[in-house]
Structures are given as C-alpha cells and as structure tokens.
C-alpha atoms as a PDB file:
ATOM      1  CA  UNK A   1     -24.770 -78.229   1.703  1.00  0.00           C
ATOM      2  CA  UNK A   2     -21.993 -78.276   4.304  1.00  0.00           C
ATOM      3  CA  UNK A   3     -18.779 -79.602   2.814  1.00  0.00           C
ATOM      4  CA  UNK A   4     -16.590 -82.068   4.691  1.00  0.00           C
ATOM      5  CA  UNK A   5     -14.284 -80.303   7.140  1.00  0.00           C
ATOM      6  CA  UNK A   6     -11.408 -82.494   8.215  1.00  0.00           C
ATOM      7  CA  UNK A   7      -9.691 -81.673  11.551  1.00  0.00           C
ATOM      8  CA  UNK A   8      -6.284 -83.335  11.367  1.00  0.00           C
ATOM      9  CA  UNK A   9      -3.181 -81.210  11.807  1.00  0.00           C
ATOM     10  CA  UNK A  10      -2.298 -81.570   8.120  1.00  0.00           C
ATOM     11  CA  UNK A  11      -5.831 -80.534   7.087  1.00  0.00           C
ATOM     12  CA  UNK A  12      -5.503 -77.283   9.032  1.00  0.00           C
ATOM     13  CA  UNK A  13      -2.085 -76.688   7.408  1.00  0.00           C
ATOM     14  CA  UNK A  14      -3.512 -77.198   3.907  1.00  0.00           C
ATOM     15  CA  UNK A  15      -6.351 -74.789   4.422  1.00  0.00           C
ATOM     16  CA  UNK A  16      -3.987 -72.169   5.989  1.00  0.00           C
ATOM     17  CA  UNK A  17      -1.711 -72.404   2.969  1.00  0.00           C
ATOM     18  CA  UNK A  18      -4.672 -71.910   0.591  1.00  0.00           C
ATOM     19  CA  UNK A  19      -5.852 -68.919   2.505  1.00  0.00           C
ATOM     20  CA  UNK A  20      -2.439 -67.321   2.472  1.00  0.00           C
ATOM     21  CA  UNK A  21      -2.164 -67.907  -1.286  1.00  0.00           C
ATOM     22  CA  UNK A  22      -5.506 -66.167  -1.853  1.00  0.00           C
ATOM     23  CA  UNK A  23      -4.004 -62.746  -1.231  1.00  0.00           C
ATOM     24  CA  UNK A  24      -7.175 -61.534   0.581  1.00  0.00           C
ATOM     25  CA  UNK A  25      -6.598 -59.398   3.701  1.00  0.00           C
ATOM     26  CA  UNK A  26      -9.445 -61.057   5.584  1.00  0.00           C
ATOM     27  CA  UNK A  27      -7.969 -64.477   4.771  1.00  0.00           C
ATOM     28  CA  UNK A  28      -4.973 -63.609   6.969  1.00  0.00           C
ATOM     29  CA  UNK A  29      -7.153 -63.897  10.083  1.00  0.00           C
ATOM     30  CA  UNK A  30      -8.712 -67.133   8.931  1.00  0.00           C
ATOM     31  CA  UNK A  31      -5.255 -68.492   8.227  1.00  0.00           C
ATOM     32  CA  UNK A  32      -4.193 -67.536  11.748  1.00  0.00           C
ATOM     33  CA  UNK A  33      -7.120 -69.539  13.125  1.00  0.00           C
ATOM     34  CA  UNK A  34      -6.307 -72.582  10.926  1.00  0.00           C
ATOM     35  CA  UNK A  35      -2.634 -72.503  11.969  1.00  0.00           C
ATOM     36  CA  UNK A  36      -3.425 -72.096  15.643  1.00  0.00           C
ATOM     37  CA  UNK A  37      -5.773 -75.080  15.438  1.00  0.00           C
ATOM     38  CA  UNK A  38      -3.215 -77.056  13.435  1.00  0.00           C
ATOM     39  CA  UNK A  39      -0.601 -76.607  16.147  1.00  0.00           C
ATOM     40  CA  UNK A  40      -3.060 -77.673  18.866  1.00  0.00           C
ATOM     41  CA  UNK A  41      -4.178 -80.653  16.802  1.00  0.00           C
ATOM     42  CA  UNK A  42      -0.617 -81.852  16.231  1.00  0.00           C
ATOM     43  CA  UNK A  43       0.150 -81.648  19.902  1.00  0.00           C
ATOM     44  CA  UNK A  44      -3.084 -83.542  20.728  1.00  0.00           C
ATOM     45  CA  UNK A  45      -2.216 -86.184  18.130  1.00  0.00           C
ATOM     46  CA  UNK A  46       1.113 -86.814  19.868  1.00  0.00           C
ATOM     47  CA  UNK A  47      -0.366 -86.795  23.355  1.00  0.00           C
ATOM     48  CA  UNK A  48      -3.021 -89.362  22.304  1.00  0.00           C
ATOM     49  CA  UNK A  49      -0.391 -92.153  22.633  1.00  0.00           C
ATOM     50  CA  UNK A  50       1.011 -90.946  25.968  1.00  0.00           C
ATOM     51  CA  UNK A  51      -0.064 -93.388  28.637  1.00  0.00           C
ATOM     52  CA  UNK A  52       0.809 -91.238  31.661  1.00  0.00           C
ATOM     53  CA  UNK A  53      -1.261 -88.219  30.604  1.00  0.00           C
ATOM     54  CA  UNK A  54      -4.905 -88.002  31.567  1.00  0.00           C
ATOM     55  CA  UNK A  55      -7.626 -87.932  28.903  1.00  0.00           C
ATOM     56  CA  UNK A  56      -8.728 -84.489  30.088  1.00  0.00           C
ATOM     57  CA  UNK A  57      -5.279 -83.015  29.629  1.00  0.00           C
ATOM     58  CA  UNK A  58      -4.875 -84.675  26.221  1.00  0.00           C
ATOM     59  CA  UNK A  59      -7.860 -82.706  25.001  1.00  0.00           C
ATOM     60  CA  UNK A  60      -6.607 -79.343  26.286  1.00  0.00           C
ATOM     61  CA  UNK A  61      -6.229 -76.343  24.049  1.00  0.00           C
ATOM     62  CA  UNK A  62      -3.752 -74.158  25.944  1.00  0.00           C
ATOM     63  CA  UNK A  63      -0.480 -74.471  24.013  1.00  0.00           C
ATOM     64  CA  UNK A  64       1.743 -73.928  27.039  1.00  0.00           C
ATOM     65  CA  UNK A  65       0.089 -76.715  28.969  1.00  0.00           C
ATOM     66  CA  UNK A  66       0.074 -79.108  26.020  1.00  0.00           C
ATOM     67  CA  UNK A  67       3.820 -78.355  25.632  1.00  0.00           C
ATOM     68  CA  UNK A  68       4.486 -79.211  29.286  1.00  0.00           C
ATOM     69  CA  UNK A  69       2.636 -82.509  28.909  1.00  0.00           C
ATOM     70  CA  UNK A  70       4.573 -83.400  25.782  1.00  0.00           C
ATOM     71  CA  UNK A  71       7.806 -82.634  27.604  1.00  0.00           C
ATOM     72  CA  UNK A  72       6.784 -84.898  30.438  1.00  0.00           C
ATOM     73  CA  UNK A  73       5.670 -87.747  28.147  1.00  0.00           C
ATOM     74  CA  UNK A  74       8.533 -87.820  25.654  1.00  0.00           C
ATOM     75  CA  UNK A  75      11.437 -85.798  27.142  1.00  0.00           C
ATOM     76  CA  UNK A  76      12.743 -84.971  23.688  1.00  0.00           C
ATOM     77  CA  UNK A  77      12.813 -81.195  23.640  1.00  0.00           C
ATOM     78  CA  UNK A  78      13.124 -80.130  20.005  1.00  0.00           C
ATOM     79  CA  UNK A  79      15.002 -83.241  18.902  1.00  0.00           C
ATOM     80  CA  UNK A  80      13.790 -85.066  15.776  1.00  0.00           C
ATOM     81  CA  UNK A  81      13.734 -88.854  15.988  1.00  0.00           C
ATOM     82  CA  UNK A  82      14.917 -90.774  12.937  1.00  0.00           C
ATOM     83  CA  UNK A  83      14.044 -94.450  12.928  1.00  0.00           C
ATOM     84  CA  UNK A  84      15.507 -96.794  10.300  1.00  0.00           C
ATOM     85  CA  UNK A  85      13.789-100.196   9.964  1.00  0.00           C
ATOM     86  CA  UNK A  86      15.326-103.016   7.896  1.00  0.00           C
ATOM     87  CA  UNK A  87      13.575-106.328   7.177  1.00  0.00           C
ATOM     88  CA  UNK A  88      16.517-108.724   7.804  1.00  0.00           C
ATOM     89  CA  UNK A  89      15.100-111.314   5.358  1.00  0.00           C
ATOM     90  CA  UNK A  90      14.239-109.179   2.304  1.00  0.00           C
ATOM     91  CA  UNK A  91      16.557-106.193   2.968  1.00  0.00           C
ATOM     92  CA  UNK A  92      13.697-103.767   2.440  1.00  0.00           C
ATOM     93  CA  UNK A  93      14.054-100.728   4.602  1.00  0.00           C
ATOM     94  CA  UNK A  94      12.495 -97.388   5.417  1.00  0.00           C
ATOM     95  CA  UNK A  95      13.198 -94.230   7.339  1.00  0.00           C
ATOM     96  CA  UNK A  96      10.480 -92.663   9.460  1.00  0.00           C
ATOM     97  CA  UNK A  97      10.541 -89.614  11.712  1.00  0.00           C
ATOM     98  CA  UNK A  98       9.033 -88.040  14.745  1.00  0.00           C
ATOM     99  CA  UNK A  99       9.015 -84.282  14.074  1.00  0.00           C
ATOM    100  CA  UNK A 100       8.172 -82.371  17.294  1.00  0.00           C
ATOM    101  CA  UNK A 101       6.106 -79.267  17.835  1.00  0.00           C
ATOM    102  CA  UNK A 102       9.122 -77.093  18.623  1.00  0.00           C
ATOM    103  CA  UNK A 103       9.331 -74.346  21.223  1.00  0.00           C
ATOM    104  CA  UNK A 104       9.401 -71.853  18.366  1.00  0.00           C
ATOM    105  CA  UNK A 105       6.258 -73.243  16.804  1.00  0.00           C
ATOM    106  CA  UNK A 106       4.480 -73.160  20.184  1.00  0.00           C
ATOM    107  CA  UNK A 107       5.471 -69.563  20.679  1.00  0.00           C
ATOM    108  CA  UNK A 108       4.192 -68.672  17.230  1.00  0.00           C
ATOM    109  CA  UNK A 109       0.870 -70.389  18.030  1.00  0.00           C
ATOM    110  CA  UNK A 110       0.562 -68.272  21.132  1.00  0.00           C
ATOM    111  CA  UNK A 111       1.301 -65.142  19.150  1.00  0.00           C
ATOM    112  CA  UNK A 112      -1.422 -65.984  16.670  1.00  0.00           C
ATOM    113  CA  UNK A 113      -3.951 -66.077  19.488  1.00  0.00           C
ATOM    114  CA  UNK A 114      -3.748 -62.252  19.774  1.00  0.00           C
ATOM    115  CA  UNK A 115      -5.063 -61.952  16.202  1.00  0.00           C
ATOM    116  CA  UNK A 116      -8.210 -64.008  16.889  1.00  0.00           C
ATOM    117  CA  UNK A 117     -10.087 -61.041  18.467  1.00  0.00           C
ATOM    118  CA  UNK A 118     -11.902 -57.955  17.105  1.00  0.00           C
ATOM    119  CA  UNK A 119      -9.494 -55.242  15.894  1.00  0.00           C
ATOM    120  CA  UNK A 120      -9.574 -52.293  18.321  1.00  0.00           C
ATOM    121  CA  UNK A 121      -8.441 -49.705  15.741  1.00  0.00           C
ATOM    122  CA  UNK A 122      -8.613 -49.295  11.977  1.00  0.00           C
ATOM    123  CA  UNK A 123      -5.379 -50.269  10.145  1.00  0.00           C
ATOM    124  CA  UNK A 124      -4.629 -48.660   6.756  1.00  0.00           C
ATOM    125  CA  UNK A 125      -3.493 -50.981   3.944  1.00  0.00           C
ATOM    126  CA  UNK A 126       0.053 -49.648   4.195  1.00  0.00           C
ATOM    127  CA  UNK A 127       0.225 -50.133   7.969  1.00  0.00           C
ATOM    128  CA  UNK A 128       3.324 -52.200   8.938  1.00  0.00           C
ATOM    129  CA  UNK A 129       1.176 -54.466  11.046  1.00  0.00           C
ATOM    130  CA  UNK A 130      -0.052 -56.284   7.949  1.00  0.00           C
ATOM    131  CA  UNK A 131       3.478 -57.063   6.862  1.00  0.00           C
ATOM    132  CA  UNK A 132       4.316 -58.331  10.360  1.00  0.00           C
ATOM    133  CA  UNK A 133       1.232 -60.570  10.362  1.00  0.00           C
ATOM    134  CA  UNK A 134       2.061 -61.992   6.956  1.00  0.00           C
ATOM    135  CA  UNK A 135       5.650 -62.809   8.007  1.00  0.00           C
ATOM    136  CA  UNK A 136       4.435 -64.490  11.220  1.00  0.00           C
ATOM    137  CA  UNK A 137       1.899 -66.563   9.259  1.00  0.00           C
ATOM    138  CA  UNK A 138       4.405 -67.641   6.621  1.00  0.00           C
ATOM    139  CA  UNK A 139       6.954 -68.643   9.255  1.00  0.00           C
ATOM    140  CA  UNK A 140       4.372 -70.536  11.252  1.00  0.00           C
ATOM    141  CA  UNK A 141       3.250 -72.315   8.094  1.00  0.00           C
ATOM    142  CA  UNK A 142       6.817 -73.462   7.448  1.00  0.00           C
ATOM    143  CA  UNK A 143       7.257 -74.640  11.070  1.00  0.00           C
ATOM    144  CA  UNK A 144       3.970 -76.551  11.139  1.00  0.00           C
ATOM    145  CA  UNK A 145       4.845 -78.110   7.787  1.00  0.00           C
ATOM    146  CA  UNK A 146       7.949 -79.600   9.372  1.00  0.00           C
ATOM    147  CA  UNK A 147       6.024 -80.723  12.484  1.00  0.00           C
ATOM    148  CA  UNK A 148       3.584 -82.635  10.296  1.00  0.00           C
ATOM    149  CA  UNK A 149       6.179 -84.314   7.996  1.00  0.00           C
ATOM    150  CA  UNK A 150       6.970 -87.100  10.419  1.00  0.00           C
ATOM    151  CA  UNK A 151       4.796 -90.177  10.775  1.00  0.00           C
ATOM    152  CA  UNK A 152       5.902 -91.340  14.200  1.00  0.00           C
ATOM    153  CA  UNK A 153       3.487 -90.100  16.826  1.00  0.00           C
ATOM    154  CA  UNK A 154       6.185 -90.368  19.472  1.00  0.00           C
ATOM    155  CA  UNK A 155       9.626 -91.827  20.056  1.00  0.00           C
ATOM    156  CA  UNK A 156       9.944 -95.611  20.033  1.00  0.00           C
ATOM    157  CA  UNK A 157       9.500 -96.905  23.591  1.00  0.00           C
ATOM    158  CA  UNK A 158      11.667 -99.816  24.711  1.00  0.00           C
ATOM    159  CA  UNK A 159       9.962-102.501  26.850  1.00  0.00           C
ATOM    160  CA  UNK A 160      11.451-103.536  30.175  1.00  0.00           C
ATOM    161  CA  UNK A 161      12.848-106.735  28.573  1.00  0.00           C
ATOM    162  CA  UNK A 162      15.022-104.476  26.395  1.00  0.00           C
ATOM    163  CA  UNK A 163      14.348-106.785  23.415  1.00  0.00           C
ATOM    164  CA  UNK A 164      11.180-105.325  21.995  1.00  0.00           C
ATOM    165  CA  UNK A 165       9.852-101.823  21.552  1.00  0.00           C
ATOM    166  CA  UNK A 166       6.564-100.133  20.865  1.00  0.00           C
ATOM    167  CA  UNK A 167       5.929 -97.385  18.329  1.00  0.00           C
ATOM    168  CA  UNK A 168       2.935 -95.587  16.774  1.00  0.00           C
ATOM    169  CA  UNK A 169       3.149 -94.832  13.084  1.00  0.00           C
ATOM    170  CA  UNK A 170       0.593 -92.861  11.032  1.00  0.00           C
ATOM    171  CA  UNK A 171      -0.662 -94.897   8.038  1.00  0.00           C
ATOM    172  CA  UNK A 172      -1.494 -93.560   4.585  1.00  0.00           C
ATOM    173  CA  UNK A 173       1.122 -90.768   4.749  1.00  0.00           C
ATOM    174  CA  UNK A 174       4.255 -92.612   3.597  1.00  0.00           C
ATOM    175  CA  UNK A 175       3.240 -95.518   1.326  1.00  0.00           C
ATOM    176  CA  UNK A 176       6.708 -96.988   1.224  1.00  0.00           C
ATOM    177  CA  UNK A 177       7.022 -97.106   5.003  1.00  0.00           C
ATOM    178  CA  UNK A 178       3.566 -98.672   5.229  1.00  0.00           C
ATOM    179  CA  UNK A 179       4.594-101.387   2.776  1.00  0.00           C
ATOM    180  CA  UNK A 180       7.772-102.193   4.658  1.00  0.00           C
ATOM    181  CA  UNK A 181       6.065-102.382   8.026  1.00  0.00           C
ATOM    182  CA  UNK A 182       3.186-104.475   6.745  1.00  0.00           C
ATOM    183  CA  UNK A 183       5.683-106.897   5.202  1.00  0.00           C
ATOM    184  CA  UNK A 184       7.518-107.144   8.537  1.00  0.00           C
ATOM    185  CA  UNK A 185       4.224-107.790  10.295  1.00  0.00           C
ATOM    186  CA  UNK A 186       3.213-110.523   7.807  1.00  0.00           C
ATOM    187  CA  UNK A 187       6.495-112.429   7.754  1.00  0.00           C
ATOM    188  CA  UNK A 188       7.485-111.833  11.411  1.00  0.00           C
ATOM    189  CA  UNK A 189      11.117-111.782  10.363  1.00  0.00           C
ATOM    190  CA  UNK A 190      13.854-110.179  12.461  1.00  0.00           C
ATOM    191  CA  UNK A 191      14.059-106.438  12.158  1.00  0.00           C
ATOM    192  CA  UNK A 192      17.211-104.305  12.326  1.00  0.00           C
ATOM    193  CA  UNK A 193      16.416-101.043  14.052  1.00  0.00           C
ATOM    194  CA  UNK A 194      18.569 -97.880  14.193  1.00  0.00           C
ATOM    195  CA  UNK A 195      17.485 -94.844  16.141  1.00  0.00           C
ATOM    196  CA  UNK A 196      19.060 -91.418  15.839  1.00  0.00           C
ATOM    197  CA  UNK A 197      18.216 -88.035  17.403  1.00  0.00           C
ATOM    198  CA  UNK A 198      18.662 -85.096  15.067  1.00  0.00           C
ATOM    199  CA  UNK A 199      18.612 -81.299  15.361  1.00  0.00           C
ATOM    200  CA  UNK A 200      17.117 -80.831  11.879  1.00  0.00           C
ATOM    201  CA  UNK A 201      15.064 -82.844   9.438  1.00  0.00           C
ATOM    202  CA  UNK A 202      17.437 -84.123   6.710  1.00  0.00           C
ATOM    203  CA  UNK A 203      16.924 -82.464   3.343  1.00  0.00           C
ATOM    204  CA  UNK A 204      17.265 -85.896   1.671  1.00  0.00           C
ATOM    205  CA  UNK A 205      14.784 -88.203   3.404  1.00  0.00           C
ATOM    206  CA  UNK A 206      15.168 -91.136   1.008  1.00  0.00           C
ATOM    207  CA  UNK A 207      14.479 -94.686   2.084  1.00  0.00           C
ATOM    208  CA  UNK A 208      18.116 -95.732   2.070  1.00  0.00           C
ATOM    209  CA  UNK A 209      20.047 -94.921   5.290  1.00  0.00           C
ATOM    210  CA  UNK A 210      23.264 -93.016   4.987  1.00  0.00           C
END
C-alpha cells in the first residue's frame, strides 16, 4: 500500500530532517531531493497569491526564475515582514510573519541540484566530500525551517483607498493567530495594524508586541 505523501514545503522539510537523522549515507541524497523540492514548494506557495505572475511561471521549477518572479511580485529582498493585529474591542492580538526564501537559501537549493545525479567516481567513507555534503544539508535545513515558520504568504497589500489591505494567511499553523483573525472576522470590529520589516526573525515570537 502506498502511504500518503504530502507535498507542502513543511512536509518536505520534515522528511529531510528525518532522513538526516537516520545517519544513512544514501539518505543524504534523498534529503537533498526533499530539501530541493521544499525550497521550490515554498516559492510556489508564495507565488500562488501573486496576481501579476502567470500561472505557467508560478508552476516553474527553476529556482533562479522563481526568485526573479518573487522579487517582481513582492519587492522585499530578504526582509521579514512582521504584522501585529489587535482587535480594538477585545484587545486580543497576534503577531504573524512573512519569512522569505532568502538569496542564501536559493543558492543552497541550486547547489543541491548537483547531487541529484549519478556519482561519476567512487568516494571512500573518509572522503571530505561527505562532510561537505552533510554541512550543506544541515545549513539548508536550518534556512528552510526559517522560511517555513511564517504564515503570511506575502506582504500585506494596501488597497488604493489606503484604508483597507489584503493579506493571505496560512491556517492551521498558528492556532492563536487563527483564533484572533476569526474573532475579528466574526465581530467586524476595528483592527489596529502595525507592520515592520525585519532583518532577522525575532527569537521571542510571543503574541504580545514589544
């Protein structure tokens, strides 16, 4: 029986981590494939909401081209978007983030592509290439983990009236944020919004703004 194989960016990351933890040499190549796919998937998830990008380009697999399209759609570079939402009536609030697929992560994904082909020569167990591959995989895992921590699929987009904005938030990842936004949607109360652009994801991502 074929087991369920989920294809979201976080699913690829989970499988890659499990493969790396197995300690098997062959698993390194499978982890490289999972990470490469995870990077592509995250970029495609972000491009899905971009209105000015064609459907054909949204489904592309070349990391460099996906990166160009993301730059055109969002114009954020490697900046992290922090969005604080406060229900003016109840005072309930949440912090949510857009965590980009950084230039470094895109480069790592391209490097992994060279490991997805048949080995041309035999490598002994003590060959330095195995250590180099493990380091690359671990660093890529860490970068993809950050890229998948956020639940905003893009930066909030202000409408032309400059009074309302549109955003796309992933559900069932951050239960607290889901609860706050559902409450706001039910009550239709005023919302206080604060947007910040950060260089790094805060270590303390609590619900209370600093």
